[in-house]
Amino acid sequence: MSAPRRSLAARWAQLVAGFLLWGLAIALMIRSGLGLGPWDAFHLGLHRLTGASVGVASIVTGLVIVVASLPIGIRPRAGTLANMVLIGLFVDLLLPLVPPAGGALAGLAYYAAALPVIGIGTGVYIAAALGSGPRDGLMLALALRTGWPVRRVRTLIELSALGAGWAMGGTIGVGTVIYALLAGPAVQWGLRRFGVLPAAAARDAAGAAATRDAA
């Protein structure tokens, strides 16, 4: 017996909850004092290179990724656009509530908390099936097309963003490297927990199709 279909309102609530978790994770990493995440370092580097604000750099980067992803079959959906707006909004709301880390050990504890929150937040919002963010959409499409595990694809994307951000003058630190190396495994864990890991989803779809054909 199939699971009951969730209402659109419930799926939107789940999507927003996932973005809220992402906002919390980013706030924790910013307050850690150990360096920006690769994409934030990239946005800051773009800001320094072009003079555009960091927020504008983030939005433009998302738009470029959306356009560049069209040839490999990724189509933006409502969740894609919501991702580009709501995560930044939640970061602004949560930053005043998260005190700065009181040293390197506290900063590492912030990162240790942020990484599983990233995994859960990604699984929660992608399981809402309203569309992934530009960067996550690219990650999932490349994982499906190459057959590589999500952790490898995500790590390569993060390291690429990190290298480009560093070349443009973005601020990096120990936390940046921690994020670049461990965000991929965290995301893969979160996607698996919510049953939306690309390989698993493909197997489930194939199994469902085989069951229908045999009926």
N, C-alpha and C. Protein backbone atom coordinates (compact mmCIF):
# COMPACT_ATOMS: atom_id res chain seq x y z
N MET A 1 0.84 -1.19 0.00
CA MET A 1 0.00 0.00 0.00
C MET A 1 0.87 1.24 0.00
N SER A 2 0.65 2.16 -0.94
CA SER A 2 1.50 3.34 -1.07
C SER A 2 1.19 4.33 0.04
N ALA A 3 2.21 5.15 0.36
CA ALA A 3 2.04 6.17 1.40
C ALA A 3 1.08 7.24 0.91
N PRO A 4 0.29 7.85 1.81
CA PRO A 4 -0.64 8.89 1.40
C PRO A 4 0.10 10.09 0.83
N ARG A 5 -0.49 10.69 -0.18
CA ARG A 5 0.12 11.84 -0.83
C ARG A 5 0.01 13.06 0.09
N ARG A 6 1.12 13.75 0.27
CA ARG A 6 1.12 14.92 1.13
C ARG A 6 0.52 16.11 0.40
N SER A 7 -0.09 17.00 1.17
CA SER A 7 -0.66 18.20 0.58
C SER A 7 0.46 19.15 0.16
N LEU A 8 0.12 20.06 -0.74
CA LEU A 8 1.10 21.05 -1.20
C LEU A 8 1.55 21.92 -0.03
N ALA A 9 0.62 22.26 0.86
CA ALA A 9 0.97 23.09 2.01
C ALA A 9 1.99 22.38 2.91
N ALA A 10 1.81 21.07 3.11
CA ALA A 10 2.75 20.31 3.94
C ALA A 10 4.12 20.25 3.29
N ARG A 11 4.16 20.11 1.98
CA ARG A 11 5.44 20.06 1.28
C ARG A 11 6.14 21.41 1.34
N TRP A 12 5.38 22.51 1.24
CA TRP A 12 5.99 23.84 1.35
C TRP A 12 6.52 24.05 2.76
N ALA A 13 5.78 23.59 3.76
CA ALA A 13 6.25 23.72 5.14
C ALA A 13 7.56 22.95 5.32
N GLN A 14 7.64 21.76 4.71
CA GLN A 14 8.86 20.96 4.80
C GLN A 14 10.01 21.67 4.09
N LEU A 15 9.74 22.25 2.93
CA LEU A 15 10.76 22.97 2.18
C LEU A 15 11.33 24.12 3.01
N VAL A 16 10.43 24.91 3.61
CA VAL A 16 10.86 26.05 4.41
C VAL A 16 11.64 25.58 5.64
N ALA A 17 11.22 24.46 6.24
CA ALA A 17 11.95 23.91 7.39
C ALA A 17 13.38 23.54 7.00
N GLY A 18 13.54 22.95 5.82
CA GLY A 18 14.87 22.61 5.35
C GLY A 18 15.74 23.84 5.15
N PHE A 19 15.15 24.90 4.61
CA PHE A 19 15.89 26.14 4.41
C PHE A 19 16.26 26.78 5.75
N LEU A 20 15.35 26.67 6.73
CA LEU A 20 15.63 27.20 8.07
C LEU A 20 16.84 26.48 8.68
N LEU A 21 16.90 25.16 8.50
CA LEU A 21 18.05 24.41 9.00
C LEU A 21 19.33 24.84 8.31
N TRP A 22 19.26 25.08 7.00
CA TRP A 22 20.42 25.56 6.27
C TRP A 22 20.86 26.92 6.79
N GLY A 23 19.88 27.81 7.04
CA GLY A 23 20.22 29.13 7.58
C GLY A 23 20.92 29.02 8.92
N LEU A 24 20.45 28.08 9.78
CA LEU A 24 21.09 27.87 11.07
C LEU A 24 22.52 27.37 10.89
N ALA A 25 22.72 26.42 9.98
CA ALA A 25 24.05 25.88 9.75
C ALA A 25 25.02 26.97 9.28
N ILE A 26 24.57 27.81 8.36
CA ILE A 26 25.43 28.88 7.85
C ILE A 26 25.74 29.87 8.96
N ALA A 27 24.73 30.20 9.78
CA ALA A 27 24.97 31.11 10.90
C ALA A 27 26.01 30.54 11.87
N LEU A 28 25.93 29.24 12.15
CA LEU A 28 26.91 28.60 13.02
C LEU A 28 28.31 28.69 12.42
N MET A 29 28.42 28.46 11.12
CA MET A 29 29.74 28.50 10.49
C MET A 29 30.31 29.91 10.47
N ILE A 30 29.45 30.90 10.23
CA ILE A 30 29.92 32.28 10.24
C ILE A 30 30.41 32.66 11.63
N ARG A 31 29.63 32.31 12.67
CA ARG A 31 29.98 32.65 14.04
C ARG A 31 31.16 31.83 14.57
N SER A 32 31.53 30.76 13.88
CA SER A 32 32.65 29.94 14.35
C SER A 32 33.96 30.71 14.31
N GLY A 33 34.07 31.66 13.39
CA GLY A 33 35.31 32.41 13.24
C GLY A 33 36.43 31.63 12.59
N LEU A 34 36.11 30.49 12.00
CA LEU A 34 37.14 29.63 11.41
C LEU A 34 37.24 29.76 9.89
N GLY A 35 36.49 30.69 9.32
CA GLY A 35 36.53 30.86 7.86
C GLY A 35 35.20 30.57 7.21
N LEU A 36 35.00 31.13 6.04
CA LEU A 36 33.75 30.98 5.31
C LEU A 36 33.70 29.65 4.58
N GLY A 37 32.47 29.19 4.31
CA GLY A 37 32.29 28.03 3.46
C GLY A 37 32.74 28.35 2.04
N PRO A 38 33.04 27.33 1.22
CA PRO A 38 33.56 27.58 -0.13
C PRO A 38 32.70 28.53 -0.96
N TRP A 39 31.37 28.33 -0.96
CA TRP A 39 30.53 29.19 -1.79
C TRP A 39 30.49 30.61 -1.24
N ASP A 40 30.49 30.76 0.10
CA ASP A 40 30.51 32.11 0.66
C ASP A 40 31.85 32.79 0.37
N ALA A 41 32.94 32.01 0.39
CA ALA A 41 34.24 32.56 0.01
C ALA A 41 34.23 32.98 -1.46
N PHE A 42 33.56 32.18 -2.29
CA PHE A 42 33.44 32.51 -3.71
C PHE A 42 32.65 33.81 -3.90
N HIS A 43 31.53 33.94 -3.16
CA HIS A 43 30.71 35.15 -3.28
C HIS A 43 31.48 36.38 -2.81
N LEU A 44 32.24 36.23 -1.73
CA LEU A 44 33.03 37.35 -1.23
C LEU A 44 34.12 37.71 -2.23
N GLY A 45 34.76 36.70 -2.82
CA GLY A 45 35.78 36.98 -3.83
C GLY A 45 35.20 37.69 -5.04
N LEU A 46 33.99 37.27 -5.45
CA LEU A 46 33.33 37.93 -6.58
C LEU A 46 32.99 39.38 -6.23
N HIS A 47 32.58 39.59 -4.98
CA HIS A 47 32.31 40.95 -4.50
C HIS A 47 33.56 41.81 -4.60
N ARG A 48 34.69 41.29 -4.17
CA ARG A 48 35.94 42.05 -4.21
C ARG A 48 36.41 42.28 -5.64
N LEU A 49 36.10 41.33 -6.52
CA LEU A 49 36.55 41.46 -7.90
C LEU A 49 35.68 42.43 -8.70
N THR A 50 34.37 42.43 -8.44
CA THR A 50 33.45 43.22 -9.27
C THR A 50 32.87 44.43 -8.56
N GLY A 51 32.89 44.47 -7.22
CA GLY A 51 32.26 45.55 -6.49
C GLY A 51 30.80 45.32 -6.18
N ALA A 52 30.21 44.24 -6.72
CA ALA A 52 28.82 43.91 -6.40
C ALA A 52 28.73 43.46 -4.94
N SER A 53 27.57 43.66 -4.31
CA SER A 53 27.40 43.21 -2.93
C SER A 53 27.49 41.69 -2.87
N VAL A 54 27.77 41.16 -1.67
CA VAL A 54 27.86 39.71 -1.50
C VAL A 54 26.52 39.06 -1.83
N GLY A 55 25.41 39.71 -1.41
CA GLY A 55 24.09 39.17 -1.71
C GLY A 55 23.82 39.09 -3.20
N VAL A 56 24.16 40.16 -3.91
CA VAL A 56 23.98 40.17 -5.37
C VAL A 56 24.88 39.11 -6.01
N ALA A 57 26.11 38.98 -5.51
CA ALA A 57 27.02 37.97 -6.05
C ALA A 57 26.44 36.57 -5.87
N SER A 58 25.80 36.33 -4.73
CA SER A 58 25.19 35.02 -4.47
C SER A 58 24.04 34.76 -5.44
N ILE A 59 23.18 35.76 -5.64
CA ILE A 59 22.04 35.59 -6.54
C ILE A 59 22.51 35.38 -7.98
N VAL A 60 23.47 36.19 -8.41
CA VAL A 60 23.98 36.07 -9.78
C VAL A 60 24.62 34.71 -9.98
N THR A 61 25.37 34.24 -8.98
CA THR A 61 25.99 32.91 -9.08
C THR A 61 24.92 31.83 -9.24
N GLY A 62 23.85 31.94 -8.44
CA GLY A 62 22.76 30.98 -8.56
C GLY A 62 22.13 31.01 -9.94
N LEU A 63 21.91 32.20 -10.49
CA LEU A 63 21.33 32.31 -11.82
C LEU A 63 22.23 31.71 -12.88
N VAL A 64 23.54 31.96 -12.76
CA VAL A 64 24.49 31.40 -13.73
C VAL A 64 24.47 29.88 -13.67
N ILE A 65 24.41 29.32 -12.45
CA ILE A 65 24.37 27.86 -12.31
C ILE A 65 23.09 27.30 -12.91
N VAL A 66 21.96 27.99 -12.69
CA VAL A 66 20.69 27.54 -13.28
C VAL A 66 20.79 27.49 -14.79
N VAL A 67 21.30 28.56 -15.40
CA VAL A 67 21.41 28.62 -16.86
C VAL A 67 22.39 27.56 -17.37
N ALA A 68 23.52 27.42 -16.68
CA ALA A 68 24.52 26.44 -17.11
C ALA A 68 24.02 25.01 -16.95
N SER A 69 23.06 24.79 -16.06
CA SER A 69 22.54 23.44 -15.81
C SER A 69 21.45 23.02 -16.80
N LEU A 70 20.90 23.98 -17.54
CA LEU A 70 19.82 23.66 -18.48
C LEU A 70 20.22 22.60 -19.51
N PRO A 71 21.43 22.67 -20.08
CA PRO A 71 21.79 21.65 -21.10
C PRO A 71 21.83 20.23 -20.57
N ILE A 72 22.00 20.03 -19.25
CA ILE A 72 22.03 18.66 -18.73
C ILE A 72 20.68 18.28 -18.13
N GLY A 73 19.65 19.05 -18.48
CA GLY A 73 18.28 18.65 -18.15
C GLY A 73 17.73 19.13 -16.82
N ILE A 74 18.41 20.08 -16.16
CA ILE A 74 17.92 20.60 -14.88
C ILE A 74 17.03 21.81 -15.15
N ARG A 75 15.78 21.73 -14.74
CA ARG A 75 14.85 22.84 -14.92
C ARG A 75 14.52 23.45 -13.57
N PRO A 76 14.68 24.78 -13.42
CA PRO A 76 14.36 25.41 -12.14
C PRO A 76 12.88 25.28 -11.80
N ARG A 77 12.59 25.09 -10.52
CA ARG A 77 11.22 25.01 -10.04
C ARG A 77 11.03 26.02 -8.92
N ALA A 78 9.86 26.02 -8.33
CA ALA A 78 9.55 27.00 -7.29
C ALA A 78 10.55 26.90 -6.14
N GLY A 79 10.91 25.67 -5.78
CA GLY A 79 11.86 25.48 -4.70
C GLY A 79 13.23 26.05 -5.01
N THR A 80 13.60 26.06 -6.29
CA THR A 80 14.89 26.61 -6.70
C THR A 80 14.94 28.10 -6.40
N LEU A 81 13.87 28.81 -6.78
CA LEU A 81 13.81 30.25 -6.56
C LEU A 81 13.69 30.56 -5.07
N ALA A 82 12.90 29.75 -4.35
CA ALA A 82 12.76 29.95 -2.90
C ALA A 82 14.09 29.76 -2.20
N ASN A 83 14.87 28.80 -2.66
CA ASN A 83 16.19 28.55 -2.09
C ASN A 83 17.06 29.80 -2.17
N MET A 84 17.03 30.46 -3.33
CA MET A 84 17.89 31.60 -3.56
C MET A 84 17.53 32.78 -2.66
N VAL A 85 16.29 32.83 -2.19
CA VAL A 85 15.84 33.97 -1.38
C VAL A 85 15.79 33.63 0.11
N LEU A 86 15.19 32.49 0.46
CA LEU A 86 14.87 32.21 1.86
C LEU A 86 16.08 31.86 2.71
N ILE A 87 17.06 31.16 2.16
CA ILE A 87 18.21 30.80 2.98
C ILE A 87 18.93 32.06 3.46
N GLY A 88 19.13 33.02 2.55
CA GLY A 88 19.76 34.27 2.95
C GLY A 88 18.95 35.01 4.00
N LEU A 89 17.62 34.99 3.85
CA LEU A 89 16.75 35.64 4.82
C LEU A 89 16.89 34.99 6.20
N PHE A 90 16.90 33.66 6.24
CA PHE A 90 17.02 32.96 7.51
C PHE A 90 18.39 33.20 8.16
N VAL A 91 19.43 33.30 7.33
CA VAL A 91 20.75 33.61 7.88
C VAL A 91 20.72 34.97 8.59
N ASP A 92 20.12 35.96 7.93
CA ASP A 92 20.03 37.30 8.54
C ASP A 92 19.23 37.27 9.83
N LEU A 93 18.18 36.44 9.90
CA LEU A 93 17.36 36.36 11.10
C LEU A 93 18.05 35.62 12.24
N LEU A 94 18.85 34.61 11.90
CA LEU A 94 19.45 33.76 12.94
C LEU A 94 20.80 34.26 13.43
N LEU A 95 21.52 35.00 12.62
CA LEU A 95 22.84 35.46 13.03
C LEU A 95 22.83 36.20 14.37
N PRO A 96 21.87 37.12 14.61
CA PRO A 96 21.87 37.80 15.91
C PRO A 96 21.61 36.87 17.09
N LEU A 97 21.06 35.69 16.84
CA LEU A 97 20.73 34.76 17.91
C LEU A 97 21.86 33.79 18.24
N VAL A 98 22.86 33.72 17.38
CA VAL A 98 23.98 32.79 17.57
C VAL A 98 25.19 33.58 18.06
N PRO A 99 25.63 33.35 19.29
CA PRO A 99 26.79 34.11 19.79
C PRO A 99 28.08 33.68 19.10
N PRO A 100 29.04 34.57 18.96
CA PRO A 100 30.33 34.19 18.39
C PRO A 100 31.01 33.11 19.23
N ALA A 101 31.70 32.22 18.56
CA ALA A 101 32.45 31.18 19.27
C ALA A 101 33.54 31.83 20.11
N GLY A 102 33.79 31.28 21.29
CA GLY A 102 34.76 31.88 22.19
C GLY A 102 36.17 31.37 22.02
N GLY A 103 36.49 30.84 20.88
CA GLY A 103 37.83 30.32 20.64
C GLY A 103 37.80 29.22 19.59
N ALA A 104 38.98 28.67 19.29
CA ALA A 104 39.08 27.67 18.23
C ALA A 104 38.30 26.40 18.55
N LEU A 105 38.36 25.94 19.82
CA LEU A 105 37.64 24.72 20.18
C LEU A 105 36.13 24.92 20.06
N ALA A 106 35.64 26.08 20.49
CA ALA A 106 34.22 26.37 20.35
C ALA A 106 33.85 26.48 18.87
N GLY A 107 34.75 27.06 18.08
CA GLY A 107 34.50 27.17 16.64
C GLY A 107 34.39 25.80 15.99
N LEU A 108 35.26 24.88 16.40
CA LEU A 108 35.18 23.51 15.88
C LEU A 108 33.88 22.84 16.30
N ALA A 109 33.43 23.14 17.52
CA ALA A 109 32.15 22.58 17.98
C ALA A 109 31.00 23.13 17.14
N TYR A 110 31.07 24.41 16.75
CA TYR A 110 30.05 24.99 15.89
C TYR A 110 30.01 24.25 14.55
N TYR A 111 31.20 23.98 13.99
CA TYR A 111 31.24 23.26 12.71
C TYR A 111 30.74 21.83 12.89
N ALA A 112 31.08 21.20 14.01
CA ALA A 112 30.63 19.83 14.26
C ALA A 112 29.11 19.77 14.33
N ALA A 113 28.48 20.84 14.82
CA ALA A 113 27.02 20.90 14.85
C ALA A 113 26.45 21.26 13.49
N ALA A 114 27.13 22.15 12.77
CA ALA A 114 26.60 22.64 11.49
C ALA A 114 26.55 21.57 10.42
N LEU A 115 27.54 20.68 10.37
CA LEU A 115 27.61 19.71 9.28
C LEU A 115 26.43 18.74 9.27
N PRO A 116 26.06 18.11 10.39
CA PRO A 116 24.86 17.26 10.33
C PRO A 116 23.58 18.05 10.07
N VAL A 117 23.53 19.30 10.54
CA VAL A 117 22.36 20.14 10.25
C VAL A 117 22.26 20.37 8.74
N ILE A 118 23.39 20.55 8.08
CA ILE A 118 23.40 20.70 6.62
C ILE A 118 22.84 19.44 5.96
N GLY A 119 23.30 18.27 6.43
CA GLY A 119 22.81 17.01 5.85
C GLY A 119 21.32 16.85 6.02
N ILE A 120 20.82 17.08 7.24
CA ILE A 120 19.39 16.94 7.51
C ILE A 120 18.60 17.99 6.73
N GLY A 121 19.08 19.24 6.73
CA GLY A 121 18.37 20.29 6.02
C GLY A 121 18.24 20.00 4.54
N THR A 122 19.32 19.47 3.94
CA THR A 122 19.27 19.14 2.52
C THR A 122 18.27 18.01 2.26
N GLY A 123 18.33 16.96 3.08
CA GLY A 123 17.39 15.85 2.91
C GLY A 123 15.95 16.30 3.09
N VAL A 124 15.69 17.15 4.08
CA VAL A 124 14.33 17.63 4.36
C VAL A 124 13.78 18.41 3.18
N TYR A 125 14.55 19.37 2.67
CA TYR A 125 13.97 20.22 1.62
C TYR A 125 13.91 19.53 0.27
N ILE A 126 14.85 18.66 -0.04
CA ILE A 126 14.78 17.95 -1.32
C ILE A 126 13.66 16.91 -1.29
N ALA A 127 13.41 16.29 -0.12
CA ALA A 127 12.32 15.32 0.00
C ALA A 127 10.95 15.98 -0.16
N ALA A 128 10.87 17.31 -0.03
CA ALA A 128 9.61 18.02 -0.26
C ALA A 128 9.21 17.97 -1.74
N ALA A 129 10.17 17.66 -2.62
CA ALA A 129 9.90 17.49 -4.06
C ALA A 129 9.32 18.74 -4.71
N LEU A 130 9.84 19.89 -4.32
CA LEU A 130 9.41 21.15 -4.94
C LEU A 130 10.55 21.79 -5.73
N GLY A 131 11.62 21.05 -5.89
CA GLY A 131 12.75 21.57 -6.64
C GLY A 131 13.93 21.81 -5.72
N SER A 132 15.13 21.53 -6.21
CA SER A 132 16.34 21.74 -5.43
C SER A 132 16.93 23.10 -5.75
N GLY A 133 17.80 23.57 -4.87
CA GLY A 133 18.51 24.82 -5.12
C GLY A 133 19.46 24.66 -6.30
N PRO A 134 19.96 25.77 -6.83
CA PRO A 134 20.83 25.68 -8.02
C PRO A 134 22.03 24.77 -7.81
N ARG A 135 22.70 24.89 -6.68
CA ARG A 135 23.92 24.11 -6.45
C ARG A 135 23.58 22.65 -6.18
N ASP A 136 22.51 22.40 -5.41
CA ASP A 136 22.12 21.02 -5.13
C ASP A 136 21.57 20.33 -6.37
N GLY A 137 20.86 21.09 -7.22
CA GLY A 137 20.36 20.52 -8.48
C GLY A 137 21.51 20.06 -9.36
N LEU A 138 22.54 20.90 -9.45
CA LEU A 138 23.72 20.53 -10.23
C LEU A 138 24.38 19.29 -9.63
N MET A 139 24.49 19.25 -8.30
CA MET A 139 25.10 18.10 -7.62
C MET A 139 24.35 16.81 -7.94
N LEU A 140 23.02 16.84 -7.80
CA LEU A 140 22.23 15.64 -8.02
C LEU A 140 22.28 15.18 -9.47
N ALA A 141 22.22 16.14 -10.40
CA ALA A 141 22.27 15.79 -11.83
C ALA A 141 23.61 15.16 -12.18
N LEU A 142 24.70 15.72 -11.68
CA LEU A 142 26.02 15.15 -11.98
C LEU A 142 26.18 13.78 -11.34
N ALA A 143 25.62 13.58 -10.13
CA ALA A 143 25.70 12.27 -9.50
C ALA A 143 24.95 11.22 -10.32
N LEU A 144 23.79 11.59 -10.85
CA LEU A 144 23.02 10.65 -11.66
C LEU A 144 23.71 10.35 -12.99
N ARG A 145 24.27 11.38 -13.61
CA ARG A 145 24.86 11.20 -14.95
C ARG A 145 26.20 10.48 -14.90
N THR A 146 26.99 10.72 -13.84
CA THR A 146 28.31 10.10 -13.75
C THR A 146 28.28 8.76 -13.02
N GLY A 147 27.23 8.56 -12.19
CA GLY A 147 27.19 7.36 -11.36
C GLY A 147 28.06 7.46 -10.13
N TRP A 148 28.67 8.64 -9.92
CA TRP A 148 29.51 8.83 -8.75
C TRP A 148 28.64 9.04 -7.51
N PRO A 149 29.16 8.71 -6.32
CA PRO A 149 28.39 8.99 -5.10
C PRO A 149 28.26 10.49 -4.87
N VAL A 150 27.19 10.88 -4.21
CA VAL A 150 26.94 12.30 -3.96
C VAL A 150 28.11 12.94 -3.23
N ARG A 151 28.68 12.23 -2.26
CA ARG A 151 29.76 12.82 -1.46
C ARG A 151 30.93 13.23 -2.35
N ARG A 152 31.24 12.42 -3.40
CA ARG A 152 32.37 12.76 -4.28
C ARG A 152 32.03 13.96 -5.14
N VAL A 153 30.83 13.97 -5.72
CA VAL A 153 30.43 15.09 -6.57
C VAL A 153 30.38 16.38 -5.76
N ARG A 154 29.76 16.32 -4.58
CA ARG A 154 29.64 17.52 -3.75
C ARG A 154 31.02 18.04 -3.34
N THR A 155 31.93 17.13 -2.98
CA THR A 155 33.26 17.55 -2.56
C THR A 155 33.99 18.21 -3.71
N LEU A 156 33.89 17.66 -4.92
CA LEU A 156 34.56 18.27 -6.07
C LEU A 156 33.99 19.65 -6.37
N ILE A 157 32.66 19.81 -6.28
CA ILE A 157 32.05 21.11 -6.51
C ILE A 157 32.52 22.11 -5.47
N GLU A 158 32.53 21.69 -4.20
CA GLU A 158 32.94 22.60 -3.12
C GLU A 158 34.40 23.00 -3.28
N LEU A 159 35.27 22.05 -3.62
CA LEU A 159 36.69 22.36 -3.79
C LEU A 159 36.90 23.30 -4.99
N SER A 160 36.10 23.14 -6.04
CA SER A 160 36.20 24.04 -7.19
C SER A 160 35.80 25.46 -6.80
N ALA A 161 34.68 25.58 -6.05
CA ALA A 161 34.25 26.90 -5.58
C ALA A 161 35.29 27.51 -4.65
N LEU A 162 35.88 26.67 -3.80
CA LEU A 162 36.90 27.14 -2.87
C LEU A 162 38.11 27.68 -3.62
N GLY A 163 38.58 26.94 -4.63
CA GLY A 163 39.74 27.40 -5.40
C GLY A 163 39.47 28.71 -6.11
N ALA A 164 38.29 28.82 -6.73
CA ALA A 164 37.95 30.05 -7.44
C ALA A 164 37.80 31.21 -6.46
N GLY A 165 37.17 30.96 -5.30
CA GLY A 165 37.01 32.01 -4.30
C GLY A 165 38.34 32.50 -3.77
N TRP A 166 39.24 31.57 -3.49
CA TRP A 166 40.57 31.94 -3.00
C TRP A 166 41.32 32.76 -4.04
N ALA A 167 41.21 32.37 -5.33
CA ALA A 167 41.90 33.10 -6.39
C ALA A 167 41.39 34.53 -6.52
N MET A 168 40.11 34.76 -6.16
CA MET A 168 39.53 36.10 -6.26
C MET A 168 39.65 36.88 -4.96
N GLY A 169 40.30 36.30 -3.95
CA GLY A 169 40.51 37.03 -2.70
C GLY A 169 39.52 36.75 -1.61
N GLY A 170 38.74 35.66 -1.74
CA GLY A 170 37.78 35.32 -0.70
C GLY A 170 38.47 34.88 0.58
N THR A 171 37.80 35.08 1.72
CA THR A 171 38.35 34.73 3.02
C THR A 171 38.18 33.24 3.29
N ILE A 172 39.30 32.55 3.54
CA ILE A 172 39.23 31.13 3.84
C ILE A 172 39.96 30.86 5.15
N GLY A 173 39.73 29.68 5.71
CA GLY A 173 40.37 29.30 6.96
C GLY A 173 40.22 27.81 7.17
N VAL A 174 40.51 27.37 8.38
CA VAL A 174 40.42 25.94 8.70
C VAL A 174 39.00 25.43 8.47
N GLY A 175 38.01 26.25 8.88
CA GLY A 175 36.61 25.85 8.70
C GLY A 175 36.23 25.68 7.24
N THR A 176 36.82 26.48 6.37
CA THR A 176 36.55 26.38 4.94
C THR A 176 36.95 25.01 4.42
N VAL A 177 38.13 24.57 4.82
CA VAL A 177 38.63 23.26 4.38
C VAL A 177 37.78 22.14 4.98
N ILE A 178 37.41 22.28 6.28
CA ILE A 178 36.55 21.28 6.92
C ILE A 178 35.25 21.14 6.13
N TYR A 179 34.65 22.29 5.79
CA TYR A 179 33.39 22.26 5.05
C TYR A 179 33.57 21.61 3.68
N ALA A 180 34.61 22.03 2.97
CA ALA A 180 34.83 21.51 1.61
C ALA A 180 34.98 20.00 1.61
N LEU A 181 35.61 19.44 2.64
CA LEU A 181 35.87 18.01 2.67
C LEU A 181 34.72 17.20 3.26
N LEU A 182 33.96 17.78 4.20
CA LEU A 182 32.97 16.99 4.93
C LEU A 182 31.53 17.30 4.57
N ALA A 183 31.26 18.40 3.85
CA ALA A 183 29.88 18.70 3.48
C ALA A 183 29.31 17.62 2.57
N GLY A 184 30.13 17.09 1.66
CA GLY A 184 29.66 16.04 0.75
C GLY A 184 29.15 14.81 1.49
N PRO A 185 29.97 14.22 2.38
CA PRO A 185 29.47 13.08 3.15
C PRO A 185 28.25 13.42 3.99
N ALA A 186 28.20 14.64 4.56
CA ALA A 186 27.04 15.03 5.37
C ALA A 186 25.78 15.08 4.53
N VAL A 187 25.88 15.64 3.32
CA VAL A 187 24.72 15.73 2.43
C VAL A 187 24.28 14.35 1.99
N GLN A 188 25.24 13.48 1.65
CA GLN A 188 24.87 12.12 1.24
C GLN A 188 24.15 11.40 2.36
N TRP A 189 24.62 11.56 3.58
CA TRP A 189 23.95 10.96 4.75
C TRP A 189 22.53 11.49 4.89
N GLY A 190 22.33 12.81 4.75
CA GLY A 190 21.00 13.39 4.87
C GLY A 190 20.05 12.92 3.78
N LEU A 191 20.55 12.83 2.55
CA LEU A 191 19.71 12.37 1.44
C LEU A 191 19.30 10.91 1.65
N ARG A 192 20.23 10.11 2.16
CA ARG A 192 19.91 8.69 2.41
C ARG A 192 18.85 8.56 3.50
N ARG A 193 18.96 9.36 4.55
CA ARG A 193 18.01 9.28 5.66
C ARG A 193 16.58 9.58 5.20
N PHE A 194 16.44 10.47 4.22
CA PHE A 194 15.11 10.85 3.75
C PHE A 194 14.72 10.16 2.44
N GLY A 195 15.51 9.17 2.02
CA GLY A 195 15.17 8.36 0.86
C GLY A 195 15.24 9.08 -0.46
N VAL A 196 16.09 10.11 -0.55
CA VAL A 196 16.18 10.87 -1.81
C VAL A 196 17.60 10.86 -2.37
N LEU A 197 18.40 9.89 -1.95
CA LEU A 197 19.72 9.71 -2.54
C LEU A 197 19.52 9.29 -4.00
N PRO A 198 20.18 9.96 -4.97
CA PRO A 198 19.89 9.69 -6.40
C PRO A 198 19.92 8.23 -6.78
N ALA A 199 20.96 7.49 -6.41
CA ALA A 199 21.04 6.08 -6.81
C ALA A 199 19.89 5.28 -6.21
N ALA A 200 19.59 5.54 -4.93
CA ALA A 200 18.50 4.82 -4.27
C ALA A 200 17.16 5.18 -4.90
N ALA A 201 16.98 6.45 -5.23
CA ALA A 201 15.73 6.88 -5.86
C ALA A 201 15.55 6.21 -7.21
N ALA A 202 16.65 6.09 -7.97
CA ALA A 202 16.56 5.45 -9.28
C ALA A 202 16.20 3.97 -9.14
N ARG A 203 16.79 3.30 -8.13
CA ARG A 203 16.48 1.89 -7.92
C ARG A 203 15.02 1.72 -7.51
N ASP A 204 14.53 2.62 -6.65
CA ASP A 204 13.14 2.53 -6.22
C ASP A 204 12.19 2.73 -7.39
N ALA A 205 12.52 3.68 -8.26
CA ALA A 205 11.67 3.94 -9.42
C ALA A 205 11.66 2.74 -10.36
N ALA A 206 12.84 2.12 -10.56
CA ALA A 206 12.92 0.94 -11.43
C ALA A 206 12.12 -0.21 -10.83
N GLY A 207 12.22 -0.39 -9.50
CA GLY A 207 11.47 -1.45 -8.87
C GLY A 207 9.97 -1.25 -8.96
N ALA A 208 9.53 0.00 -8.81
CA ALA A 208 8.12 0.31 -8.94
C ALA A 208 7.62 0.04 -10.36
N ALA A 209 8.44 0.39 -11.33
CA ALA A 209 8.05 0.16 -12.73
C ALA A 209 7.95 -1.33 -13.03
N ALA A 210 8.89 -2.11 -12.49
CA ALA A 210 8.87 -3.55 -12.71
C ALA A 210 7.63 -4.17 -12.07
N THR A 211 7.26 -3.68 -10.90
CA THR A 211 6.06 -4.18 -10.22
C THR A 211 4.81 -3.89 -11.05
N ARG A 212 4.73 -2.68 -11.60
CA ARG A 212 3.57 -2.31 -12.42
C ARG A 212 3.49 -3.17 -13.68
N ASP A 213 4.70 -3.43 -14.29
CA ASP A 213 4.70 -4.22 -15.52
C ASP A 213 4.26 -5.67 -15.25
N ALA A 214 4.62 -6.18 -14.04
CA ALA A 214 4.29 -7.56 -13.72
C ALA A 214 2.82 -7.72 -13.34
N ALA A 215 2.20 -6.62 -12.93
CA ALA A 215 0.80 -6.70 -12.47
C ALA A 215 -0.15 -6.97 -13.61
